[in-house]
Amino acid sequence: VPDGSVTDGVDLLPFIEGESPNQEYPHNVLYWSRGSQGA
């Protein structure tokens, strides 16, 4: 991903190929929002 580009997504390949060294899940937490509604 180019420098300076804000990214919240993660590369899924290490997780689905069993090569992720730090955590088992790509995301420990996910968010959704439109202000007064979300999850």
PDB file of all heavy atoms in Angstrom:
ATOM      1  N   VAL A   1       0.863  -1.182   0.000  1.00  0.00           N
ATOM      2  CA  VAL A   1       0.000   0.000   0.000  1.00  0.00           C
ATOM      3  C   VAL A   1       0.902   1.235   0.000  1.00  0.00           C
ATOM      4  O   VAL A   1       1.849   1.314   0.784  1.00  0.00           O
ATOM      5  CB  VAL A   1      -0.912   0.011   1.236  1.00  0.00           C
ATOM      6  CG1 VAL A   1      -1.770   1.267   1.255  1.00  0.00           C
ATOM      7  CG2 VAL A   1      -1.790  -1.239   1.262  1.00  0.00           C
ATOM      8  N   PRO A   2       0.678   2.192  -0.878  1.00  0.00           N
ATOM      9  CA  PRO A   2       1.554   3.362  -0.980  1.00  0.00           C
ATOM     10  C   PRO A   2       1.663   4.143   0.329  1.00  0.00           C
ATOM     11  O   PRO A   2       0.703   4.221   1.106  1.00  0.00           O
ATOM     12  CB  PRO A   2       0.889   4.207  -2.070  1.00  0.00           C
ATOM     13  CG  PRO A   2       0.108   3.228  -2.884  1.00  0.00           C
ATOM     14  CD  PRO A   2      -0.376   2.201  -1.907  1.00  0.00           C
ATOM     15  N   ASP A   3       2.830   4.691   0.573  1.00  0.00           N
ATOM     16  CA  ASP A   3       3.052   5.531   1.753  1.00  0.00           C
ATOM     17  C   ASP A   3       2.075   6.702   1.757  1.00  0.00           C
ATOM     18  O   ASP A   3       1.786   7.291   0.713  1.00  0.00           O
ATOM     19  CB  ASP A   3       4.484   6.071   1.757  1.00  0.00           C
ATOM     20  CG  ASP A   3       5.510   4.976   2.001  1.00  0.00           C
ATOM     21  OD1 ASP A   3       5.115   3.911   2.509  1.00  0.00           O
ATOM     22  OD2 ASP A   3       6.692   5.181   1.664  1.00  0.00           O
ATOM     23  N   GLY A   4       1.581   7.030   2.929  1.00  0.00           N
ATOM     24  CA  GLY A   4       0.665   8.154   3.075  1.00  0.00           C
ATOM     25  C   GLY A   4      -0.783   7.793   2.887  1.00  0.00           C
ATOM     26  O   GLY A   4      -1.678   8.606   3.129  1.00  0.00           O
ATOM     27  N   SER A   5      -1.049   6.557   2.464  1.00  0.00           N
ATOM     28  CA  SER A   5      -2.426   6.111   2.262  1.00  0.00           C
ATOM     29  C   SER A   5      -2.943   5.480   3.547  1.00  0.00           C
ATOM     30  O   SER A   5      -2.333   4.560   4.088  1.00  0.00           O
ATOM     31  CB  SER A   5      -2.481   5.101   1.115  1.00  0.00           C
ATOM     32  OG  SER A   5      -3.807   4.806   0.756  1.00  0.00           O
ATOM     33  N   VAL A   6      -4.066   5.980   4.054  1.00  0.00           N
ATOM     34  CA  VAL A   6      -4.652   5.455   5.287  1.00  0.00           C
ATOM     35  C   VAL A   6      -5.335   4.125   4.980  1.00  0.00           C
ATOM     36  O   VAL A   6      -6.151   4.032   4.063  1.00  0.00           O
ATOM     37  CB  VAL A   6      -5.671   6.446   5.877  1.00  0.00           C
ATOM     38  CG1 VAL A   6      -6.325   5.859   7.115  1.00  0.00           C
ATOM     39  CG2 VAL A   6      -4.996   7.771   6.192  1.00  0.00           C
ATOM     40  N   THR A   7      -5.002   3.103   5.735  1.00  0.00           N
ATOM     41  CA  THR A   7      -5.565   1.776   5.511  1.00  0.00           C
ATOM     42  C   THR A   7      -5.969   1.138   6.833  1.00  0.00           C
ATOM     43  O   THR A   7      -5.160   1.069   7.753  1.00  0.00           O
ATOM     44  CB  THR A   7      -4.556   0.859   4.798  1.00  0.00           C
ATOM     45  OG1 THR A   7      -4.033   1.520   3.646  1.00  0.00           O
ATOM     46  CG2 THR A   7      -5.226  -0.434   4.365  1.00  0.00           C
ATOM     47  N   ASP A   8      -7.213   0.680   6.920  1.00  0.00           N
ATOM     48  CA  ASP A   8      -7.688  -0.059   8.078  1.00  0.00           C
ATOM     49  C   ASP A   8      -7.801  -1.548   7.783  1.00  0.00           C
ATOM     50  O   ASP A   8      -7.895  -2.363   8.704  1.00  0.00           O
ATOM     51  CB  ASP A   8      -9.053   0.470   8.530  1.00  0.00           C
ATOM     52  CG  ASP A   8      -8.979   1.915   9.011  1.00  0.00           C
ATOM     53  OD1 ASP A   8      -8.170   2.198   9.909  1.00  0.00           O
ATOM     54  OD2 ASP A   8      -9.723   2.760   8.467  1.00  0.00           O
ATOM     55  N   GLY A   9      -7.818  -1.904   6.500  1.00  0.00           N
ATOM     56  CA  GLY A   9      -7.863  -3.306   6.113  1.00  0.00           C
ATOM     57  C   GLY A   9      -6.516  -3.969   6.323  1.00  0.00           C
ATOM     58  O   GLY A   9      -5.493  -3.305   6.504  1.00  0.00           O
ATOM     59  N   VAL A  10      -6.508  -5.296   6.298  1.00  0.00           N
ATOM     60  CA  VAL A  10      -5.273  -6.046   6.486  1.00  0.00           C
ATOM     61  C   VAL A  10      -5.106  -7.056   5.352  1.00  0.00           C
ATOM     62  O   VAL A  10      -6.080  -7.465   4.710  1.00  0.00           O
ATOM     63  CB  VAL A  10      -5.262  -6.782   7.840  1.00  0.00           C
ATOM     64  CG1 VAL A  10      -5.395  -5.807   8.990  1.00  0.00           C
ATOM     65  CG2 VAL A  10      -6.366  -7.834   7.904  1.00  0.00           C
ATOM     66  N   ASP A  11      -3.860  -7.443   5.120  1.00  0.00           N
ATOM     67  CA  ASP A  11      -3.547  -8.482   4.150  1.00  0.00           C
ATOM     68  C   ASP A  11      -4.027  -9.821   4.706  1.00  0.00           C
ATOM     69  O   ASP A  11      -3.580 -10.264   5.766  1.00  0.00           O
ATOM     70  CB  ASP A  11      -2.028  -8.487   3.909  1.00  0.00           C
ATOM     71  CG  ASP A  11      -1.574  -9.633   3.016  1.00  0.00           C
ATOM     72  OD1 ASP A  11      -2.432 -10.284   2.381  1.00  0.00           O
ATOM     73  OD2 ASP A  11      -0.346  -9.871   2.953  1.00  0.00           O
ATOM     74  N   LEU A  12      -4.937 -10.470   4.003  1.00  0.00           N
ATOM     75  CA  LEU A  12      -5.515 -11.715   4.494  1.00  0.00           C
ATOM     76  C   LEU A  12      -4.637 -12.939   4.228  1.00  0.00           C
ATOM     77  O   LEU A  12      -4.833 -13.988   4.854  1.00  0.00           O
ATOM     78  CB  LEU A  12      -6.885 -11.941   3.850  1.00  0.00           C
ATOM     79  CG  LEU A  12      -7.977 -10.921   4.194  1.00  0.00           C
ATOM     80  CD1 LEU A  12      -9.257 -11.255   3.439  1.00  0.00           C
ATOM     81  CD2 LEU A  12      -8.233 -10.872   5.692  1.00  0.00           C
ATOM     82  N   LEU A  13      -3.675 -12.843   3.311  1.00  0.00           N
ATOM     83  CA  LEU A  13      -2.912 -14.021   2.921  1.00  0.00           C
ATOM     84  C   LEU A  13      -2.209 -14.710   4.083  1.00  0.00           C
ATOM     85  O   LEU A  13      -2.279 -15.936   4.205  1.00  0.00           O
ATOM     86  CB  LEU A  13      -1.907 -13.662   1.821  1.00  0.00           C
ATOM     87  CG  LEU A  13      -2.490 -13.324   0.451  1.00  0.00           C
ATOM     88  CD1 LEU A  13      -1.369 -13.116  -0.566  1.00  0.00           C
ATOM     89  CD2 LEU A  13      -3.430 -14.420  -0.039  1.00  0.00           C
ATOM     90  N   PRO A  14      -1.515 -13.986   4.978  1.00  0.00           N
ATOM     91  CA  PRO A  14      -0.844 -14.688   6.079  1.00  0.00           C
ATOM     92  C   PRO A  14      -1.816 -15.447   6.983  1.00  0.00           C
ATOM     93  O   PRO A  14      -1.455 -16.484   7.554  1.00  0.00           O
ATOM     94  CB  PRO A  14      -0.155 -13.552   6.854  1.00  0.00           C
ATOM     95  CG  PRO A  14      -0.007 -12.445   5.874  1.00  0.00           C
ATOM     96  CD  PRO A  14      -1.220 -12.539   4.992  1.00  0.00           C
ATOM     97  N   PHE A  15      -3.026 -14.970   7.087  1.00  0.00           N
ATOM     98  CA  PHE A  15      -4.000 -15.616   7.965  1.00  0.00           C
ATOM     99  C   PHE A  15      -4.575 -16.875   7.326  1.00  0.00           C
ATOM    100  O   PHE A  15      -4.705 -17.909   7.974  1.00  0.00           O
ATOM    101  CB  PHE A  15      -5.114 -14.641   8.326  1.00  0.00           C
ATOM    102  CG  PHE A  15      -4.632 -13.452   9.092  1.00  0.00           C
ATOM    103  CD1 PHE A  15      -4.292 -12.267   8.442  1.00  0.00           C
ATOM    104  CD2 PHE A  15      -4.478 -13.509  10.469  1.00  0.00           C
ATOM    105  CE1 PHE A  15      -3.829 -11.168   9.144  1.00  0.00           C
ATOM    106  CE2 PHE A  15      -4.005 -12.418  11.184  1.00  0.00           C
ATOM    107  CZ  PHE A  15      -3.684 -11.247  10.519  1.00  0.00           C
ATOM    108  N   ILE A  16      -4.902 -16.783   6.054  1.00  0.00           N
ATOM    109  CA  ILE A  16      -5.524 -17.941   5.411  1.00  0.00           C
ATOM    110  C   ILE A  16      -4.488 -18.978   4.998  1.00  0.00           C
ATOM    111  O   ILE A  16      -4.831 -20.120   4.702  1.00  0.00           O
ATOM    112  CB  ILE A  16      -6.400 -17.526   4.211  1.00  0.00           C
ATOM    113  CG1 ILE A  16      -5.611 -16.715   3.184  1.00  0.00           C
ATOM    114  CG2 ILE A  16      -7.596 -16.743   4.693  1.00  0.00           C
ATOM    115  CD1 ILE A  16      -6.459 -16.190   2.039  1.00  0.00           C
ATOM    116  N   GLU A  17      -3.206 -18.579   4.993  1.00  0.00           N
ATOM    117  CA  GLU A  17      -2.135 -19.541   4.711  1.00  0.00           C
ATOM    118  C   GLU A  17      -1.412 -19.988   5.981  1.00  0.00           C
ATOM    119  O   GLU A  17      -0.425 -20.713   5.928  1.00  0.00           O
ATOM    120  CB  GLU A  17      -1.132 -18.934   3.734  1.00  0.00           C
ATOM    121  CG  GLU A  17      -1.722 -18.701   2.356  1.00  0.00           C
ATOM    122  CD  GLU A  17      -0.702 -18.215   1.346  1.00  0.00           C
ATOM    123  OE1 GLU A  17       0.188 -17.431   1.721  1.00  0.00           O
ATOM    124  OE2 GLU A  17      -0.806 -18.625   0.175  1.00  0.00           O
ATOM    125  N   GLY A  18      -1.908 -19.531   7.142  1.00  0.00           N
ATOM    126  CA  GLY A  18      -1.350 -19.971   8.408  1.00  0.00           C
ATOM    127  C   GLY A  18       0.027 -19.443   8.712  1.00  0.00           C
ATOM    128  O   GLY A  18       0.809 -20.076   9.422  1.00  0.00           O
ATOM    129  N   GLU A  19       0.346 -18.250   8.200  1.00  0.00           N
ATOM    130  CA  GLU A  19       1.685 -17.700   8.383  1.00  0.00           C
ATOM    131  C   GLU A  19       1.689 -16.403   9.179  1.00  0.00           C
ATOM    132  O   GLU A  19       2.677 -15.677   9.191  1.00  0.00           O
ATOM    133  CB  GLU A  19       2.341 -17.460   7.027  1.00  0.00           C
ATOM    134  CG  GLU A  19       2.521 -18.739   6.205  1.00  0.00           C
ATOM    135  CD  GLU A  19       3.076 -18.471   4.826  1.00  0.00           C
ATOM    136  OE1 GLU A  19       3.279 -17.285   4.512  1.00  0.00           O
ATOM    137  OE2 GLU A  19       3.291 -19.441   4.073  1.00  0.00           O
ATOM    138  N   SER A  20       0.585 -16.091   9.846  1.00  0.00           N
ATOM    139  CA  SER A  20       0.537 -14.864  10.632  1.00  0.00           C
ATOM    140  C   SER A  20       1.241 -15.073  11.962  1.00  0.00           C
ATOM    141  O   SER A  20       0.848 -15.939  12.748  1.00  0.00           O
ATOM    142  CB  SER A  20      -0.913 -14.440  10.882  1.00  0.00           C
ATOM    143  OG  SER A  20      -0.958 -13.329  11.744  1.00  0.00           O
ATOM    144  N   PRO A  21       2.306 -14.311  12.255  1.00  0.00           N
ATOM    145  CA  PRO A  21       3.092 -14.562  13.461  1.00  0.00           C
ATOM    146  C   PRO A  21       2.505 -13.970  14.740  1.00  0.00           C
ATOM    147  O   PRO A  21       2.868 -14.378  15.829  1.00  0.00           O
ATOM    148  CB  PRO A  21       4.428 -13.875  13.133  1.00  0.00           C
ATOM    149  CG  PRO A  21       4.036 -12.735  12.232  1.00  0.00           C
ATOM    150  CD  PRO A  21       2.874 -13.254  11.420  1.00  0.00           C
ATOM    151  N   ASN A  22       1.613 -12.996  14.621  1.00  0.00           N
ATOM    152  CA  ASN A  22       1.219 -12.227  15.799  1.00  0.00           C
ATOM    153  C   ASN A  22      -0.167 -12.534  16.335  1.00  0.00           C
ATOM    154  O   ASN A  22      -0.401 -12.513  17.540  1.00  0.00           O
ATOM    155  CB  ASN A  22       1.303 -10.726  15.494  1.00  0.00           C
ATOM    156  CG  ASN A  22       2.719 -10.304  15.138  1.00  0.00           C
ATOM    157  OD1 ASN A  22       3.676 -10.762  15.750  1.00  0.00           O
ATOM    158  ND2 ASN A  22       2.842  -9.451  14.135  1.00  0.00           N
ATOM    159  N   GLN A  23      -1.107 -12.808  15.461  1.00  0.00           N
ATOM    160  CA  GLN A  23      -2.472 -13.012  15.934  1.00  0.00           C
ATOM    161  C   GLN A  23      -3.201 -13.989  15.037  1.00  0.00           C
ATOM    162  O   GLN A  23      -2.869 -14.162  13.871  1.00  0.00           O
ATOM    163  CB  GLN A  23      -3.231 -11.686  16.002  1.00  0.00           C
ATOM    164  CG  GLN A  23      -3.351 -10.947  14.661  1.00  0.00           C
ATOM    165  CD  GLN A  23      -4.009  -9.590  14.820  1.00  0.00           C
ATOM    166  OE1 GLN A  23      -3.719  -8.863  15.744  1.00  0.00           O
ATOM    167  NE2 GLN A  23      -4.908  -9.256  13.906  1.00  0.00           N
ATOM    168  N   GLU A  24      -4.191 -14.621  15.616  1.00  0.00           N
ATOM    169  CA  GLU A  24      -4.921 -15.662  14.899  1.00  0.00           C
ATOM    170  C   GLU A  24      -5.985 -15.080  13.978  1.00  0.00           C
ATOM    171  O   GLU A  24      -6.309 -15.653  12.948  1.00  0.00           O
ATOM    172  CB  GLU A  24      -5.570 -16.604  15.909  1.00  0.00           C
ATOM    173  CG  GLU A  24      -6.287 -17.784  15.273  1.00  0.00           C
ATOM    174  CD  GLU A  24      -6.945 -18.683  16.293  1.00  0.00           C
ATOM    175  OE1 GLU A  24      -6.769 -18.432  17.505  1.00  0.00           O
ATOM    176  OE2 GLU A  24      -7.645 -19.620  15.886  1.00  0.00           O
ATOM    177  N   TYR A  25      -6.535 -13.923  14.351  1.00  0.00           N
ATOM    178  CA  TYR A  25      -7.629 -13.327  13.597  1.00  0.00           C
ATOM    179  C   TYR A  25      -7.162 -12.073  12.867  1.00  0.00           C
ATOM    180  O   TYR A  25      -6.385 -11.286  13.423  1.00  0.00           O
ATOM    181  CB  TYR A  25      -8.789 -12.960  14.533  1.00  0.00           C
ATOM    182  CG  TYR A  25      -9.552 -14.150  15.038  1.00  0.00           C
ATOM    183  CD1 TYR A  25      -9.061 -14.905  16.108  1.00  0.00           C
ATOM    184  CD2 TYR A  25     -10.750 -14.525  14.459  1.00  0.00           C
ATOM    185  CE1 TYR A  25      -9.761 -16.011  16.573  1.00  0.00           C
ATOM    186  CE2 TYR A  25     -11.455 -15.619  14.918  1.00  0.00           C
ATOM    187  CZ  TYR A  25     -10.953 -16.358  15.973  1.00  0.00           C
ATOM    188  OH  TYR A  25     -11.641 -17.456  16.424  1.00  0.00           O
ATOM    189  N   PRO A  26      -7.638 -11.871  11.647  1.00  0.00           N
ATOM    190  CA  PRO A  26      -7.296 -10.630  10.939  1.00  0.00           C
ATOM    191  C   PRO A  26      -7.754  -9.383  11.698  1.00  0.00           C
ATOM    192  O   PRO A  26      -7.085  -8.357  11.677  1.00  0.00           O
ATOM    193  CB  PRO A  26      -8.035 -10.769   9.606  1.00  0.00           C
ATOM    194  CG  PRO A  26      -8.248 -12.233   9.428  1.00  0.00           C
ATOM    195  CD  PRO A  26      -8.426 -12.777  10.814  1.00  0.00           C
ATOM    196  N   HIS A  27      -8.916  -9.495  12.363  1.00  0.00           N
ATOM    197  CA  HIS A  27      -9.465  -8.351  13.102  1.00  0.00           C
ATOM    198  C   HIS A  27      -9.966  -8.823  14.465  1.00  0.00           C
ATOM    199  O   HIS A  27     -10.803  -9.715  14.554  1.00  0.00           O
ATOM    200  CB  HIS A  27     -10.627  -7.710  12.336  1.00  0.00           C
ATOM    201  CG  HIS A  27     -10.252  -7.162  11.004  1.00  0.00           C
ATOM    202  ND1 HIS A  27      -9.701  -5.914  10.835  1.00  0.00           N
ATOM    203  CD2 HIS A  27     -10.342  -7.716   9.763  1.00  0.00           C
ATOM    204  CE1 HIS A  27      -9.472  -5.711   9.555  1.00  0.00           C
ATOM    205  NE2 HIS A  27      -9.848  -6.791   8.882  1.00  0.00           N
ATOM    206  N   ASN A  28      -9.461  -8.210  15.512  1.00  0.00           N
ATOM    207  CA  ASN A  28      -9.992  -8.492  16.849  1.00  0.00           C
ATOM    208  C   ASN A  28     -11.300  -7.751  17.085  1.00  0.00           C
ATOM    209  O   ASN A  28     -12.124  -8.165  17.897  1.00  0.00           O
ATOM    210  CB  ASN A  28      -8.974  -8.087  17.917  1.00  0.00           C
ATOM    211  CG  ASN A  28      -7.759  -8.993  17.915  1.00  0.00           C
ATOM    212  OD1 ASN A  28      -7.886 -10.192  17.685  1.00  0.00           O
ATOM    213  ND2 ASN A  28      -6.588  -8.432  18.136  1.00  0.00           N
ATOM    214  N   VAL A  29     -11.468  -6.641  16.355  1.00  0.00           N
ATOM    215  CA  VAL A  29     -12.678  -5.840  16.518  1.00  0.00           C
ATOM    216  C   VAL A  29     -12.998  -5.162  15.198  1.00  0.00           C
ATOM    217  O   VAL A  29     -12.089  -4.777  14.446  1.00  0.00           O
ATOM    218  CB  VAL A  29     -12.506  -4.798  17.659  1.00  0.00           C
ATOM    219  CG1 VAL A  29     -11.354  -3.859  17.370  1.00  0.00           C
ATOM    220  CG2 VAL A  29     -13.798  -4.042  17.922  1.00  0.00           C
ATOM    221  N   LEU A  30     -14.281  -5.044  14.893  1.00  0.00           N
ATOM    222  CA  LEU A  30     -14.751  -4.351  13.697  1.00  0.00           C
ATOM    223  C   LEU A  30     -15.835  -3.357  14.090  1.00  0.00           C
ATOM    224  O   LEU A  30     -16.579  -3.579  15.048  1.00  0.00           O
ATOM    225  CB  LEU A  30     -15.312  -5.344  12.668  1.00  0.00           C
ATOM    226  CG  LEU A  30     -14.306  -6.236  11.935  1.00  0.00           C
ATOM    227  CD1 LEU A  30     -15.028  -7.300  11.123  1.00  0.00           C
ATOM    228  CD2 LEU A  30     -13.391  -5.409  11.037  1.00  0.00           C
ATOM    229  N   TYR A  31     -15.934  -2.264  13.320  1.00  0.00           N
ATOM    230  CA  TYR A  31     -16.882  -1.194  13.628  1.00  0.00           C
ATOM    231  C   TYR A  31     -17.693  -0.825  12.385  1.00  0.00           C
ATOM    232  O   TYR A  31     -17.219  -0.931  11.246  1.00  0.00           O
ATOM    233  CB  TYR A  31     -16.139   0.064  14.089  1.00  0.00           C
ATOM    234  CG  TYR A  31     -15.189  -0.124  15.241  1.00  0.00           C
ATOM    235  CD1 TYR A  31     -13.856  -0.456  15.019  1.00  0.00           C
ATOM    236  CD2 TYR A  31     -15.617   0.051  16.559  1.00  0.00           C
ATOM    237  CE1 TYR A  31     -12.969  -0.614  16.075  1.00  0.00           C
ATOM    238  CE2 TYR A  31     -14.738  -0.102  17.620  1.00  0.00           C
ATOM    239  CZ  TYR A  31     -13.415  -0.436  17.374  1.00  0.00           C
ATOM    240  OH  TYR A  31     -12.537  -0.595  18.423  1.00  0.00           O
ATOM    241  N   TRP A  32     -18.900  -0.348  12.648  1.00  0.00           N
ATOM    242  CA  TRP A  32     -19.753   0.219  11.600  1.00  0.00           C
ATOM    243  C   TRP A  32     -20.484   1.413  12.198  1.00  0.00           C
ATOM    244  O   TRP A  32     -20.917   1.375  13.352  1.00  0.00           O
ATOM    245  CB  TRP A  32     -20.799  -0.792  11.123  1.00  0.00           C
ATOM    246  CG  TRP A  32     -20.228  -2.028  10.516  1.00  0.00           C
ATOM    247  CD1 TRP A  32     -20.003  -2.277   9.192  1.00  0.00           C
ATOM    248  CD2 TRP A  32     -19.825  -3.224  11.204  1.00  0.00           C
ATOM    249  NE1 TRP A  32     -19.485  -3.528   9.010  1.00  0.00           N
ATOM    250  CE2 TRP A  32     -19.352  -4.137  10.232  1.00  0.00           C
ATOM    251  CE3 TRP A  32     -19.804  -3.608  12.554  1.00  0.00           C
ATOM    252  CZ2 TRP A  32     -18.877  -5.399  10.553  1.00  0.00           C
ATOM    253  CZ3 TRP A  32     -19.315  -4.869  12.880  1.00  0.00           C
ATOM    254  CH2 TRP A  32     -18.861  -5.748  11.896  1.00  0.00           C
ATOM    255  N   SER A  33     -20.662   2.479  11.426  1.00  0.00           N
ATOM    256  CA  SER A  33     -21.374   3.624  11.997  1.00  0.00           C
ATOM    257  C   SER A  33     -21.886   4.567  10.926  1.00  0.00           C
ATOM    258  O   SER A  33     -21.242   4.789   9.899  1.00  0.00           O
ATOM    259  CB  SER A  33     -20.448   4.402  12.941  1.00  0.00           C
ATOM    260  OG  SER A  33     -21.099   5.559  13.412  1.00  0.00           O
ATOM    261  N   ARG A  34     -23.033   5.138  11.222  1.00  0.00           N
ATOM    262  CA  ARG A  34     -23.544   6.285  10.474  1.00  0.00           C
ATOM    263  C   ARG A  34     -23.988   7.365  11.459  1.00  0.00           C
ATOM    264  O   ARG A  34     -25.015   8.013  11.304  1.00  0.00           O
ATOM    265  CB  ARG A  34     -24.692   5.894   9.554  1.00  0.00           C
ATOM    266  CG  ARG A  34     -25.895   5.317  10.267  1.00  0.00           C
ATOM    267  CD  ARG A  34     -27.098   5.161   9.361  1.00  0.00           C
ATOM    268  NE  ARG A  34     -27.560   6.412   8.806  1.00  0.00           N
ATOM    269  CZ  ARG A  34     -28.699   6.566   8.134  1.00  0.00           C
ATOM    270  NH1 ARG A  34     -29.485   5.520   7.919  1.00  0.00           N
ATOM    271  NH2 ARG A  34     -29.062   7.735   7.662  1.00  0.00           N
ATOM    272  N   GLY A  35     -23.194   7.546  12.518  1.00  0.00           N
ATOM    273  CA  GLY A  35     -23.532   8.550  13.511  1.00  0.00           C
ATOM    274  C   GLY A  35     -24.286   7.954  14.676  1.00  0.00           C
ATOM    275  O   GLY A  35     -23.717   7.329  15.563  1.00  0.00           O
ATOM    276  N   SER A  36     -25.605   8.122  14.671  1.00  0.00           N
ATOM    277  CA  SER A  36     -26.414   7.637  15.792  1.00  0.00           C
ATOM    278  C   SER A  36     -26.739   6.157  15.691  1.00  0.00           C
ATOM    279  O   SER A  36     -27.328   5.583  16.602  1.00  0.00           O
ATOM    280  CB  SER A  36     -27.727   8.431  15.859  1.00  0.00           C
ATOM    281  OG  SER A  36     -28.458   8.270  14.650  1.00  0.00           O
ATOM    282  N   GLN A  37     -26.350   5.527  14.597  1.00  0.00           N
ATOM    283  CA  GLN A  37     -26.593   4.100  14.421  1.00  0.00           C
ATOM    284  C   GLN A  37     -25.288   3.418  14.033  1.00  0.00           C
ATOM    285  O   GLN A  37     -24.445   4.005  13.356  1.00  0.00           O
ATOM    286  CB  GLN A  37     -27.646   3.842  13.337  1.00  0.00           C
ATOM    287  CG  GLN A  37     -29.033   4.346  13.686  1.00  0.00           C
ATOM    288  CD  GLN A  37     -30.002   4.104  12.539  1.00  0.00           C
ATOM    289  OE1 GLN A  37     -29.780   4.556  11.432  1.00  0.00           O
ATOM    290  NE2 GLN A  37     -31.070   3.387  12.818  1.00  0.00           N
ATOM    291  N   GLY A  38     -25.150   2.178  14.451  1.00  0.00           N
ATOM    292  CA  GLY A  38     -23.943   1.458  14.096  1.00  0.00           C
ATOM    293  C   GLY A  38     -23.818   0.157  14.860  1.00  0.00           C
ATOM    294  O   GLY A  38     -24.792  -0.359  15.420  1.00  0.00           O
ATOM    295  N   ALA A  39     -22.601  -0.370  14.899  1.00  0.00           N
ATOM    296  CA  ALA A  39     -22.369  -1.631  15.587  1.00  0.00           C
ATOM    297  C   ALA A  39     -20.880  -1.811  15.828  1.00  0.00           C
ATOM    298  O   ALA A  39     -20.039  -1.189  15.168  1.00  0.00           O
ATOM    299  CB  ALA A  39     -22.907  -2.801  14.764  1.00  0.00           C
TER     300      ALA A  39
END
